[in-house]
Amino acid sequence: DSTRAVRNDPKLADPYMQKEISAFIGQEAMHSKEHVGFNQSANFY
């Protein structure tokens, strides 16, 4: 959320920077998803 809030700033318009931001957001979203899955398994115990 913090990174999305600023990504449309004109200073960040460089395509490489935008590509890196997109990759970062995608990876972090996937990390959250997998840790939610593990945390649910710990709740099971």
ModelCIF file with pLDDT and N, C-alpha, C, O atoms, coordinates in Angstrom:
data_MODEL
#
_entry.id   MODEL 
#
_entity.id                         1 
_entity.type                       polymer 
_entity.pdbx_number_of_molecules   1 
#
_entity_poly.entity_id                      1 
_entity_poly.type                           'polypeptide(L)' 
_entity_poly.nstd_linkage                   no 
_entity_poly.nstd_monomer                   no 
_entity_poly.pdbx_seq_one_letter_code       DSTRAVRNDPKLADPYMQKEISAFIGQEAMHSKEHVGFNQSANFY 
_entity_poly.pdbx_seq_one_letter_code_can   DSTRAVRNDPKLADPYMQKEISAFIGQEAMHSKEHVGFNQSANFY 
_entity_poly.pdbx_strand_id                 A 
#
loop_
_entity_poly_seq.entity_id 
_entity_poly_seq.num 
_entity_poly_seq.mon_id 
_entity_poly_seq.hetero 
1 1  ASP n 
1 2  SER n 
1 3  THR n 
1 4  ARG n 
1 5  ALA n 
1 6  VAL n 
1 7  ARG n 
1 8  ASN n 
1 9  ASP n 
1 10 PRO n 
1 11 LYS n 
1 12 LEU n 
1 13 ALA n 
1 14 ASP n 
1 15 PRO n 
1 16 TYR n 
1 17 MET n 
1 18 GLN n 
1 19 LYS n 
1 20 GLU n 
1 21 ILE n 
1 22 SER n 
1 23 ALA n 
1 24 PHE n 
1 25 ILE n 
1 26 GLY n 
1 27 GLN n 
1 28 GLU n 
1 29 ALA n 
1 30 MET n 
1 31 HIS n 
1 32 SER n 
1 33 LYS n 
1 34 GLU n 
1 35 HIS n 
1 36 VAL n 
1 37 GLY n 
1 38 PHE n 
1 39 ASN n 
1 40 GLN n 
1 41 SER n 
1 42 ALA n 
1 43 ASN n 
1 44 PHE n 
1 45 TYR n 
#
_struct_asym.id          A 
_struct_asym.entity_id   1 
#
loop_
_ma_qa_metric.id 
_ma_qa_metric.mode 
_ma_qa_metric.name 
_ma_qa_metric.software_group_id 
_ma_qa_metric.type 
1 global pLDDT . pLDDT 
2 local  pLDDT . pLDDT 
#
_ma_qa_metric_global.metric_id      1 
_ma_qa_metric_global.metric_value   94.78 
_ma_qa_metric_global.model_id       1 
_ma_qa_metric_global.ordinal_id     1 
#
loop_
_ma_qa_metric_local.label_asym_id 
_ma_qa_metric_local.label_comp_id 
_ma_qa_metric_local.label_seq_id 
_ma_qa_metric_local.metric_id 
_ma_qa_metric_local.metric_value 
_ma_qa_metric_local.model_id 
_ma_qa_metric_local.ordinal_id 
A ASP 1  2 96.00 1 1  
A SER 2  2 97.00 1 2  
A THR 3  2 97.00 1 3  
A ARG 4  2 96.00 1 4  
A ALA 5  2 96.00 1 5  
A VAL 6  2 97.00 1 6  
A ARG 7  2 96.00 1 7  
A ASN 8  2 96.00 1 8  
A ASP 9  2 97.00 1 9  
A PRO 10 2 97.00 1 10 
A LYS 11 2 97.00 1 11 
A LEU 12 2 97.00 1 12 
A ALA 13 2 97.00 1 13 
A ASP 14 2 96.00 1 14 
A PRO 15 2 97.00 1 15 
A TYR 16 2 96.00 1 16 
A MET 17 2 96.00 1 17 
A GLN 18 2 97.00 1 18 
A LYS 19 2 97.00 1 19 
A GLU 20 2 97.00 1 20 
A ILE 21 2 97.00 1 21 
A SER 22 2 96.00 1 22 
A ALA 23 2 95.00 1 23 
A PHE 24 2 95.00 1 24 
A ILE 25 2 95.00 1 25 
A GLY 26 2 94.00 1 26 
A GLN 27 2 93.00 1 27 
A GLU 28 2 93.00 1 28 
A ALA 29 2 92.00 1 29 
A MET 30 2 92.00 1 30 
A HIS 31 2 93.00 1 31 
A SER 32 2 92.00 1 32 
A LYS 33 2 92.00 1 33 
A GLU 34 2 93.00 1 34 
A HIS 35 2 94.00 1 35 
A VAL 36 2 92.00 1 36 
A GLY 37 2 93.00 1 37 
A PHE 38 2 94.00 1 38 
A ASN 39 2 93.00 1 39 
A GLN 40 2 92.00 1 40 
A SER 41 2 92.00 1 41 
A ALA 42 2 93.00 1 42 
A ASN 43 2 92.00 1 43 
A PHE 44 2 92.00 1 44 
A TYR 45 2 94.00 1 45 
#
loop_
_atom_site.group_PDB 
_atom_site.id 
_atom_site.type_symbol 
_atom_site.label_atom_id 
_atom_site.label_alt_id 
_atom_site.label_comp_id 
_atom_site.label_asym_id 
_atom_site.label_entity_id 
_atom_site.label_seq_id 
_atom_site.pdbx_PDB_ins_code 
_atom_site.Cartn_x 
_atom_site.Cartn_y 
_atom_site.Cartn_z 
_atom_site.occupancy 
_atom_site.B_iso_or_equiv 
_atom_site.pdbx_formal_charge 
_atom_site.auth_seq_id 
_atom_site.auth_comp_id 
_atom_site.auth_asym_id 
_atom_site.auth_atom_id 
_atom_site.pdbx_PDB_model_num 
ATOM 1   N N  . ASP A 1 1  ? 0.831  -1.213  0.000   1.00 96.00 ? 1  ASP A N  1 
ATOM 2   C CA . ASP A 1 1  ? 0.000  0.000   0.000   1.00 96.00 ? 1  ASP A CA 1 
ATOM 3   C C  . ASP A 1 1  ? 0.864  1.261   0.000   1.00 96.00 ? 1  ASP A C  1 
ATOM 4   O O  . ASP A 1 1  ? 0.549  2.232   -0.688  1.00 96.00 ? 1  ASP A O  1 
ATOM 5   N N  . SER A 1 2  ? 1.946  1.246   0.767   1.00 97.00 ? 2  SER A N  1 
ATOM 6   C CA . SER A 1 2  ? 2.825  2.416   0.854   1.00 97.00 ? 2  SER A CA 1 
ATOM 7   C C  . SER A 1 2  ? 3.480  2.719   -0.486  1.00 97.00 ? 2  SER A C  1 
ATOM 8   O O  . SER A 1 2  ? 3.654  3.879   -0.857  1.00 97.00 ? 2  SER A O  1 
ATOM 9   N N  . THR A 1 3  ? 3.838  1.667   -1.204  1.00 97.00 ? 3  THR A N  1 
ATOM 10  C CA . THR A 1 3  ? 4.506  1.850   -2.495  1.00 97.00 ? 3  THR A CA 1 
ATOM 11  C C  . THR A 1 3  ? 3.504  2.227   -3.581  1.00 97.00 ? 3  THR A C  1 
ATOM 12  O O  . THR A 1 3  ? 3.791  3.073   -4.427  1.00 97.00 ? 3  THR A O  1 
ATOM 13  N N  . ARG A 1 4  ? 2.350  1.611   -3.558  1.00 96.00 ? 4  ARG A N  1 
ATOM 14  C CA . ARG A 1 4  ? 1.308  1.970   -4.527  1.00 96.00 ? 4  ARG A CA 1 
ATOM 15  C C  . ARG A 1 4  ? 0.895  3.430   -4.389  1.00 96.00 ? 4  ARG A C  1 
ATOM 16  O O  . ARG A 1 4  ? 0.573  4.084   -5.381  1.00 96.00 ? 4  ARG A O  1 
ATOM 17  N N  . ALA A 1 5  ? 0.905  3.934   -3.174  1.00 96.00 ? 5  ALA A N  1 
ATOM 18  C CA . ALA A 1 5  ? 0.446  5.305   -2.912  1.00 96.00 ? 5  ALA A CA 1 
ATOM 19  C C  . ALA A 1 5  ? 1.294  6.349   -3.624  1.00 96.00 ? 5  ALA A C  1 
ATOM 20  O O  . ALA A 1 5  ? 0.823  7.458   -3.876  1.00 96.00 ? 5  ALA A O  1 
ATOM 21  N N  . VAL A 1 6  ? 2.545  6.008   -3.953  1.00 97.00 ? 6  VAL A N  1 
ATOM 22  C CA . VAL A 1 6  ? 3.445  6.997   -4.565  1.00 97.00 ? 6  VAL A CA 1 
ATOM 23  C C  . VAL A 1 6  ? 3.869  6.631   -5.982  1.00 97.00 ? 6  VAL A C  1 
ATOM 24  O O  . VAL A 1 6  ? 4.546  7.429   -6.631  1.00 97.00 ? 6  VAL A O  1 
ATOM 25  N N  . ARG A 1 7  ? 3.500  5.465   -6.484  1.00 96.00 ? 7  ARG A N  1 
ATOM 26  C CA . ARG A 1 7  ? 4.076  4.989   -7.737  1.00 96.00 ? 7  ARG A CA 1 
ATOM 27  C C  . ARG A 1 7  ? 3.704  5.844   -8.953  1.00 96.00 ? 7  ARG A C  1 
ATOM 28  O O  . ARG A 1 7  ? 4.396  5.789   -9.969  1.00 96.00 ? 7  ARG A O  1 
ATOM 29  N N  . ASN A 1 8  ? 2.636  6.623   -8.872  1.00 96.00 ? 8  ASN A N  1 
ATOM 30  C CA . ASN A 1 8  ? 2.238  7.468   -9.996  1.00 96.00 ? 8  ASN A CA 1 
ATOM 31  C C  . ASN A 1 8  ? 2.874  8.848   -9.960  1.00 96.00 ? 8  ASN A C  1 
ATOM 32  O O  . ASN A 1 8  ? 2.548  9.703   -10.783 1.00 96.00 ? 8  ASN A O  1 
ATOM 33  N N  . ASP A 1 9  ? 3.778  9.072   -9.015  1.00 97.00 ? 9  ASP A N  1 
ATOM 34  C CA . ASP A 1 9  ? 4.501  10.338  -8.987  1.00 97.00 ? 9  ASP A CA 1 
ATOM 35  C C  . ASP A 1 9  ? 5.336  10.470  -10.257 1.00 97.00 ? 9  ASP A C  1 
ATOM 36  O O  . ASP A 1 9  ? 5.993  9.507   -10.652 1.00 97.00 ? 9  ASP A O  1 
ATOM 37  N N  . PRO A 1 10 ? 5.332  11.636  -10.912 1.00 97.00 ? 10 PRO A N  1 
ATOM 38  C CA . PRO A 1 10 ? 6.100  11.817  -12.154 1.00 97.00 ? 10 PRO A CA 1 
ATOM 39  C C  . PRO A 1 10 ? 7.585  11.484  -12.030 1.00 97.00 ? 10 PRO A C  1 
ATOM 40  O O  . PRO A 1 10 ? 8.219  11.098  -13.012 1.00 97.00 ? 10 PRO A O  1 
ATOM 41  N N  . LYS A 1 11 ? 8.136  11.633  -10.836 1.00 97.00 ? 11 LYS A N  1 
ATOM 42  C CA . LYS A 1 11 ? 9.555  11.310  -10.644 1.00 97.00 ? 11 LYS A CA 1 
ATOM 43  C C  . LYS A 1 11 ? 9.832  9.820   -10.821 1.00 97.00 ? 11 LYS A C  1 
ATOM 44  O O  . LYS A 1 11 ? 10.980 9.424   -11.026 1.00 97.00 ? 11 LYS A O  1 
ATOM 45  N N  . LEU A 1 12 ? 8.800  8.998   -10.745 1.00 97.00 ? 12 LEU A N  1 
ATOM 46  C CA . LEU A 1 12 ? 8.955  7.545   -10.842 1.00 97.00 ? 12 LEU A CA 1 
ATOM 47  C C  . LEU A 1 12 ? 8.480  7.011   -12.196 1.00 97.00 ? 12 LEU A C  1 
ATOM 48  O O  . LEU A 1 12 ? 8.181  5.825   -12.332 1.00 97.00 ? 12 LEU A O  1 
ATOM 49  N N  . ALA A 1 13 ? 8.415  7.889   -13.186 1.00 97.00 ? 13 ALA A N  1 
ATOM 50  C CA . ALA A 1 13 ? 7.856  7.498   -14.481 1.00 97.00 ? 13 ALA A CA 1 
ATOM 51  C C  . ALA A 1 13 ? 8.786  6.601   -15.297 1.00 97.00 ? 13 ALA A C  1 
ATOM 52  O O  . ALA A 1 13 ? 8.348  5.987   -16.270 1.00 97.00 ? 13 ALA A O  1 
ATOM 53  N N  . ASP A 1 14 ? 10.039 6.517   -14.923 1.00 96.00 ? 14 ASP A N  1 
ATOM 54  C CA . ASP A 1 14 ? 10.990 5.688   -15.673 1.00 96.00 ? 14 ASP A CA 1 
ATOM 55  C C  . ASP A 1 14 ? 10.455 4.256   -15.796 1.00 96.00 ? 14 ASP A C  1 
ATOM 56  O O  . ASP A 1 14 ? 10.073 3.660   -14.789 1.00 96.00 ? 14 ASP A O  1 
ATOM 57  N N  . PRO A 1 15 ? 10.421 3.690   -17.019 1.00 97.00 ? 15 PRO A N  1 
ATOM 58  C CA . PRO A 1 15 ? 9.857  2.343   -17.210 1.00 97.00 ? 15 PRO A CA 1 
ATOM 59  C C  . PRO A 1 15 ? 10.536 1.261   -16.377 1.00 97.00 ? 15 PRO A C  1 
ATOM 60  O O  . PRO A 1 15 ? 9.873  0.355   -15.872 1.00 97.00 ? 15 PRO A O  1 
ATOM 61  N N  . TYR A 1 16 ? 11.855 1.354   -16.235 1.00 96.00 ? 16 TYR A N  1 
ATOM 62  C CA . TYR A 1 16 ? 12.556 0.364   -15.423 1.00 96.00 ? 16 TYR A CA 1 
ATOM 63  C C  . TYR A 1 16 ? 12.099 0.430   -13.969 1.00 96.00 ? 16 TYR A C  1 
ATOM 64  O O  . TYR A 1 16 ? 11.869 -0.599  -13.334 1.00 96.00 ? 16 TYR A O  1 
ATOM 65  N N  . MET A 1 17 ? 11.969 1.650   -13.450 1.00 96.00 ? 17 MET A N  1 
ATOM 66  C CA . MET A 1 17 ? 11.502 1.818   -12.076 1.00 96.00 ? 17 MET A CA 1 
ATOM 67  C C  . MET A 1 17 ? 10.098 1.263   -11.912 1.00 96.00 ? 17 MET A C  1 
ATOM 68  O O  . MET A 1 17 ? 9.805  0.598   -10.918 1.00 96.00 ? 17 MET A O  1 
ATOM 69  N N  . GLN A 1 18 ? 9.233  1.527   -12.871 1.00 97.00 ? 18 GLN A N  1 
ATOM 70  C CA . GLN A 1 18 ? 7.865  1.012   -12.792 1.00 97.00 ? 18 GLN A CA 1 
ATOM 71  C C  . GLN A 1 18 ? 7.845  -0.520  -12.852 1.00 97.00 ? 18 GLN A C  1 
ATOM 72  O O  . GLN A 1 18 ? 7.042  -1.161  -12.174 1.00 97.00 ? 18 GLN A O  1 
ATOM 73  N N  . LYS A 1 19 ? 8.717  -1.089  -13.651 1.00 97.00 ? 19 LYS A N  1 
ATOM 74  C CA . LYS A 1 19 ? 8.801  -2.546  -13.731 1.00 97.00 ? 19 LYS A CA 1 
ATOM 75  C C  . LYS A 1 19 ? 9.247  -3.140  -12.399 1.00 97.00 ? 19 LYS A C  1 
ATOM 76  O O  . LYS A 1 19 ? 8.708  -4.152  -11.951 1.00 97.00 ? 19 LYS A O  1 
ATOM 77  N N  . GLU A 1 20 ? 10.233 -2.504  -11.770 1.00 97.00 ? 20 GLU A N  1 
ATOM 78  C CA . GLU A 1 20 ? 10.712 -2.972  -10.471 1.00 97.00 ? 20 GLU A CA 1 
ATOM 79  C C  . GLU A 1 20 ? 9.636  -2.855  -9.389  1.00 97.00 ? 20 GLU A C  1 
ATOM 80  O O  . GLU A 1 20 ? 9.490  -3.740  -8.546  1.00 97.00 ? 20 GLU A O  1 
ATOM 81  N N  . ILE A 1 21 ? 8.891  -1.756  -9.426  1.00 97.00 ? 21 ILE A N  1 
ATOM 82  C CA . ILE A 1 21 ? 7.808  -1.572  -8.456  1.00 97.00 ? 21 ILE A CA 1 
ATOM 83  C C  . ILE A 1 21 ? 6.747  -2.651  -8.639  1.00 97.00 ? 21 ILE A C  1 
ATOM 84  O O  . ILE A 1 21 ? 6.255  -3.214  -7.661  1.00 97.00 ? 21 ILE A O  1 
ATOM 85  N N  . SER A 1 22 ? 6.399  -2.934  -9.877  1.00 96.00 ? 22 SER A N  1 
ATOM 86  C CA . SER A 1 22 ? 5.389  -3.971  -10.143 1.00 96.00 ? 22 SER A CA 1 
ATOM 87  C C  . SER A 1 22 ? 5.865  -5.334  -9.654  1.00 96.00 ? 22 SER A C  1 
ATOM 88  O O  . SER A 1 22 ? 5.090  -6.094  -9.074  1.00 96.00 ? 22 SER A O  1 
ATOM 89  N N  . ALA A 1 23 ? 7.141  -5.643  -9.889  1.00 95.00 ? 23 ALA A N  1 
ATOM 90  C CA . ALA A 1 23 ? 7.692  -6.921  -9.436  1.00 95.00 ? 23 ALA A CA 1 
ATOM 91  C C  . ALA A 1 23 ? 7.692  -6.997  -7.915  1.00 95.00 ? 23 ALA A C  1 
ATOM 92  O O  . ALA A 1 23 ? 7.371  -8.036  -7.338  1.00 95.00 ? 23 ALA A O  1 
ATOM 93  N N  . PHE A 1 24 ? 8.053  -5.896  -7.274  1.00 95.00 ? 24 PHE A N  1 
ATOM 94  C CA . PHE A 1 24 ? 8.051  -5.835  -5.815  1.00 95.00 ? 24 PHE A CA 1 
ATOM 95  C C  . PHE A 1 24 ? 6.647  -6.095  -5.260  1.00 95.00 ? 24 PHE A C  1 
ATOM 96  O O  . PHE A 1 24 ? 6.474  -6.907  -4.351  1.00 95.00 ? 24 PHE A O  1 
ATOM 97  N N  . ILE A 1 25 ? 5.656  -5.407  -5.809  1.00 95.00 ? 25 ILE A N  1 
ATOM 98  C CA . ILE A 1 25 ? 4.275  -5.572  -5.340  1.00 95.00 ? 25 ILE A CA 1 
ATOM 99  C C  . ILE A 1 25 ? 3.814  -7.009  -5.537  1.00 95.00 ? 25 ILE A C  1 
ATOM 100 O O  . ILE A 1 25 ? 3.179  -7.584  -4.654  1.00 95.00 ? 25 ILE A O  1 
ATOM 101 N N  . GLY A 1 26 ? 4.131  -7.592  -6.694  1.00 94.00 ? 26 GLY A N  1 
ATOM 102 C CA . GLY A 1 26 ? 3.728  -8.968  -6.963  1.00 94.00 ? 26 GLY A CA 1 
ATOM 103 C C  . GLY A 1 26 ? 4.354  -9.957  -6.003  1.00 94.00 ? 26 GLY A C  1 
ATOM 104 O O  . GLY A 1 26 ? 3.678  -10.860 -5.509  1.00 94.00 ? 26 GLY A O  1 
ATOM 105 N N  . GLN A 1 27 ? 5.652  -9.792  -5.732  1.00 93.00 ? 27 GLN A N  1 
ATOM 106 C CA . GLN A 1 27 ? 6.329  -10.706 -4.820  1.00 93.00 ? 27 GLN A CA 1 
ATOM 107 C C  . GLN A 1 27 ? 5.794  -10.572 -3.402  1.00 93.00 ? 27 GLN A C  1 
ATOM 108 O O  . GLN A 1 27 ? 5.561  -11.578 -2.732  1.00 93.00 ? 27 GLN A O  1 
ATOM 109 N N  . GLU A 1 28 ? 5.597  -9.338  -2.937  1.00 93.00 ? 28 GLU A N  1 
ATOM 110 C CA . GLU A 1 28 ? 5.120  -9.145  -1.577  1.00 93.00 ? 28 GLU A CA 1 
ATOM 111 C C  . GLU A 1 28 ? 3.701  -9.691  -1.402  1.00 93.00 ? 28 GLU A C  1 
ATOM 112 O O  . GLU A 1 28 ? 3.375  -10.258 -0.359  1.00 93.00 ? 28 GLU A O  1 
ATOM 113 N N  . ALA A 1 29 ? 2.872  -9.519  -2.412  1.00 92.00 ? 29 ALA A N  1 
ATOM 114 C CA . ALA A 1 29 ? 1.519  -10.056 -2.338  1.00 92.00 ? 29 ALA A CA 1 
ATOM 115 C C  . ALA A 1 29 ? 1.552  -11.581 -2.238  1.00 92.00 ? 29 ALA A C  1 
ATOM 116 O O  . ALA A 1 29 ? 0.765  -12.174 -1.500  1.00 92.00 ? 29 ALA A O  1 
ATOM 117 N N  . MET A 1 30 ? 2.455  -12.210 -2.975  1.00 92.00 ? 30 MET A N  1 
ATOM 118 C CA . MET A 1 30 ? 2.566  -13.659 -2.921  1.00 92.00 ? 30 MET A CA 1 
ATOM 119 C C  . MET A 1 30 ? 3.103  -14.125 -1.568  1.00 92.00 ? 30 MET A C  1 
ATOM 120 O O  . MET A 1 30 ? 2.650  -15.144 -1.046  1.00 92.00 ? 30 MET A O  1 
ATOM 121 N N  . HIS A 1 31 ? 4.056  -13.398 -0.998  1.00 93.00 ? 31 HIS A N  1 
ATOM 122 C CA . HIS A 1 31 ? 4.569  -13.746 0.331   1.00 93.00 ? 31 HIS A CA 1 
ATOM 123 C C  . HIS A 1 31 ? 3.434  -13.729 1.347   1.00 93.00 ? 31 HIS A C  1 
ATOM 124 O O  . HIS A 1 31 ? 3.291  -14.649 2.153   1.00 93.00 ? 31 HIS A O  1 
ATOM 125 N N  . SER A 1 32 ? 2.629  -12.664 1.296   1.00 92.00 ? 32 SER A N  1 
ATOM 126 C CA . SER A 1 32 ? 1.517  -12.544 2.229   1.00 92.00 ? 32 SER A CA 1 
ATOM 127 C C  . SER A 1 32 ? 0.562  -13.725 2.086   1.00 92.00 ? 32 SER A C  1 
ATOM 128 O O  . SER A 1 32 ? 0.120  -14.295 3.084   1.00 92.00 ? 32 SER A O  1 
ATOM 129 N N  . LYS A 1 33 ? 0.248  -14.088 0.850   1.00 92.00 ? 33 LYS A N  1 
ATOM 130 C CA . LYS A 1 33 ? -0.666 -15.200 0.595   1.00 92.00 ? 33 LYS A CA 1 
ATOM 131 C C  . LYS A 1 33 ? -0.154 -16.499 1.211   1.00 92.00 ? 33 LYS A C  1 
ATOM 132 O O  . LYS A 1 33 ? -0.912 -17.219 1.862   1.00 92.00 ? 33 LYS A O  1 
ATOM 133 N N  . GLU A 1 34 ? 1.127  -16.800 1.009   1.00 93.00 ? 34 GLU A N  1 
ATOM 134 C CA . GLU A 1 34 ? 1.668  -18.063 1.498   1.00 93.00 ? 34 GLU A CA 1 
ATOM 135 C C  . GLU A 1 34 ? 1.777  -18.086 3.017   1.00 93.00 ? 34 GLU A C  1 
ATOM 136 O O  . GLU A 1 34 ? 1.547  -19.124 3.637   1.00 93.00 ? 34 GLU A O  1 
ATOM 137 N N  . HIS A 1 35 ? 2.125  -16.955 3.621   1.00 94.00 ? 35 HIS A N  1 
ATOM 138 C CA . HIS A 1 35 ? 2.212  -16.930 5.084   1.00 94.00 ? 35 HIS A CA 1 
ATOM 139 C C  . HIS A 1 35 ? 0.827  -16.994 5.721   1.00 94.00 ? 35 HIS A C  1 
ATOM 140 O O  . HIS A 1 35 ? 0.677  -17.539 6.814   1.00 94.00 ? 35 HIS A O  1 
ATOM 141 N N  . VAL A 1 36 ? -0.184 -16.446 5.055   1.00 92.00 ? 36 VAL A N  1 
ATOM 142 C CA . VAL A 1 36 ? -1.557 -16.631 5.534   1.00 92.00 ? 36 VAL A CA 1 
ATOM 143 C C  . VAL A 1 36 ? -1.886 -18.121 5.550   1.00 92.00 ? 36 VAL A C  1 
ATOM 144 O O  . VAL A 1 36 ? -2.496 -18.615 6.498   1.00 92.00 ? 36 VAL A O  1 
ATOM 145 N N  . GLY A 1 37 ? -1.483 -18.837 4.494   1.00 93.00 ? 37 GLY A N  1 
ATOM 146 C CA . GLY A 1 37 ? -1.725 -20.276 4.437   1.00 93.00 ? 37 GLY A CA 1 
ATOM 147 C C  . GLY A 1 37 ? -1.048 -21.021 5.563   1.00 93.00 ? 37 GLY A C  1 
ATOM 148 O O  . GLY A 1 37 ? -1.657 -21.885 6.194   1.00 93.00 ? 37 GLY A O  1 
ATOM 149 N N  . PHE A 1 38 ? 0.216  -20.694 5.826   1.00 94.00 ? 38 PHE A N  1 
ATOM 150 C CA . PHE A 1 38 ? 0.902  -21.355 6.941   1.00 94.00 ? 38 PHE A CA 1 
ATOM 151 C C  . PHE A 1 38 ? 0.272  -20.987 8.275   1.00 94.00 ? 38 PHE A C  1 
ATOM 152 O O  . PHE A 1 38 ? 0.067  -21.852 9.127   1.00 94.00 ? 38 PHE A O  1 
ATOM 153 N N  . ASN A 1 39 ? -0.038 -19.703 8.462   1.00 93.00 ? 39 ASN A N  1 
ATOM 154 C CA . ASN A 1 39 ? -0.626 -19.265 9.726   1.00 93.00 ? 39 ASN A CA 1 
ATOM 155 C C  . ASN A 1 39 ? -1.943 -19.980 10.017  1.00 93.00 ? 39 ASN A C  1 
ATOM 156 O O  . ASN A 1 39 ? -2.250 -20.292 11.167  1.00 93.00 ? 39 ASN A O  1 
ATOM 157 N N  . GLN A 1 40 ? -2.710 -20.233 8.973   1.00 92.00 ? 40 GLN A N  1 
ATOM 158 C CA . GLN A 1 40 ? -3.954 -20.976 9.154   1.00 92.00 ? 40 GLN A CA 1 
ATOM 159 C C  . GLN A 1 40 ? -3.679 -22.407 9.621   1.00 92.00 ? 40 GLN A C  1 
ATOM 160 O O  . GLN A 1 40 ? -4.436 -22.970 10.411  1.00 92.00 ? 40 GLN A O  1 
ATOM 161 N N  . SER A 1 41 ? -2.585 -22.984 9.119   1.00 92.00 ? 41 SER A N  1 
ATOM 162 C CA . SER A 1 41 ? -2.245 -24.342 9.552   1.00 92.00 ? 41 SER A CA 1 
ATOM 163 C C  . SER A 1 41 ? -1.812 -24.361 11.015  1.00 92.00 ? 41 SER A C  1 
ATOM 164 O O  . SER A 1 41 ? -2.070 -25.331 11.729  1.00 92.00 ? 41 SER A O  1 
ATOM 165 N N  . ALA A 1 42 ? -1.147 -23.277 11.467  1.00 93.00 ? 42 ALA A N  1 
ATOM 166 C CA . ALA A 1 42 ? -0.774 -23.184 12.883  1.00 93.00 ? 42 ALA A CA 1 
ATOM 167 C C  . ALA A 1 42 ? -2.019 -23.012 13.754  1.00 93.00 ? 42 ALA A C  1 
ATOM 168 O O  . ALA A 1 42 ? -2.089 -23.543 14.862  1.00 93.00 ? 42 ALA A O  1 
ATOM 169 N N  . ASN A 1 43 ? -2.999 -22.265 13.243  1.00 92.00 ? 43 ASN A N  1 
ATOM 170 C CA . ASN A 1 43 ? -4.275 -22.139 13.960  1.00 92.00 ? 43 ASN A CA 1 
ATOM 171 C C  . ASN A 1 43 ? -4.933 -23.493 14.165  1.00 92.00 ? 43 ASN A C  1 
ATOM 172 O O  . ASN A 1 43 ? -5.599 -23.716 15.176  1.00 92.00 ? 43 ASN A O  1 
ATOM 173 N N  . PHE A 1 44 ? -4.750 -24.391 13.216  1.00 92.00 ? 44 PHE A N  1 
ATOM 174 C CA . PHE A 1 44 ? -5.348 -25.725 13.302  1.00 92.00 ? 44 PHE A CA 1 
ATOM 175 C C  . PHE A 1 44 ? -4.880 -26.462 14.561  1.00 92.00 ? 44 PHE A C  1 
ATOM 176 O O  . PHE A 1 44 ? -5.623 -27.255 15.139  1.00 92.00 ? 44 PHE A O  1 
ATOM 177 N N  . TYR A 1 45 ? -3.629 -26.186 14.980  1.00 94.00 ? 45 TYR A N  1 
ATOM 178 C CA . TYR A 1 45 ? -3.086 -26.830 16.179  1.00 94.00 ? 45 TYR A CA 1 
ATOM 179 C C  . TYR A 1 45 ? -3.464 -26.084 17.461  1.00 94.00 ? 45 TYR A C  1 
ATOM 180 O O  . TYR A 1 45 ? -3.082 -26.501 18.554  1.00 94.00 ? 45 TYR A O  1 
#
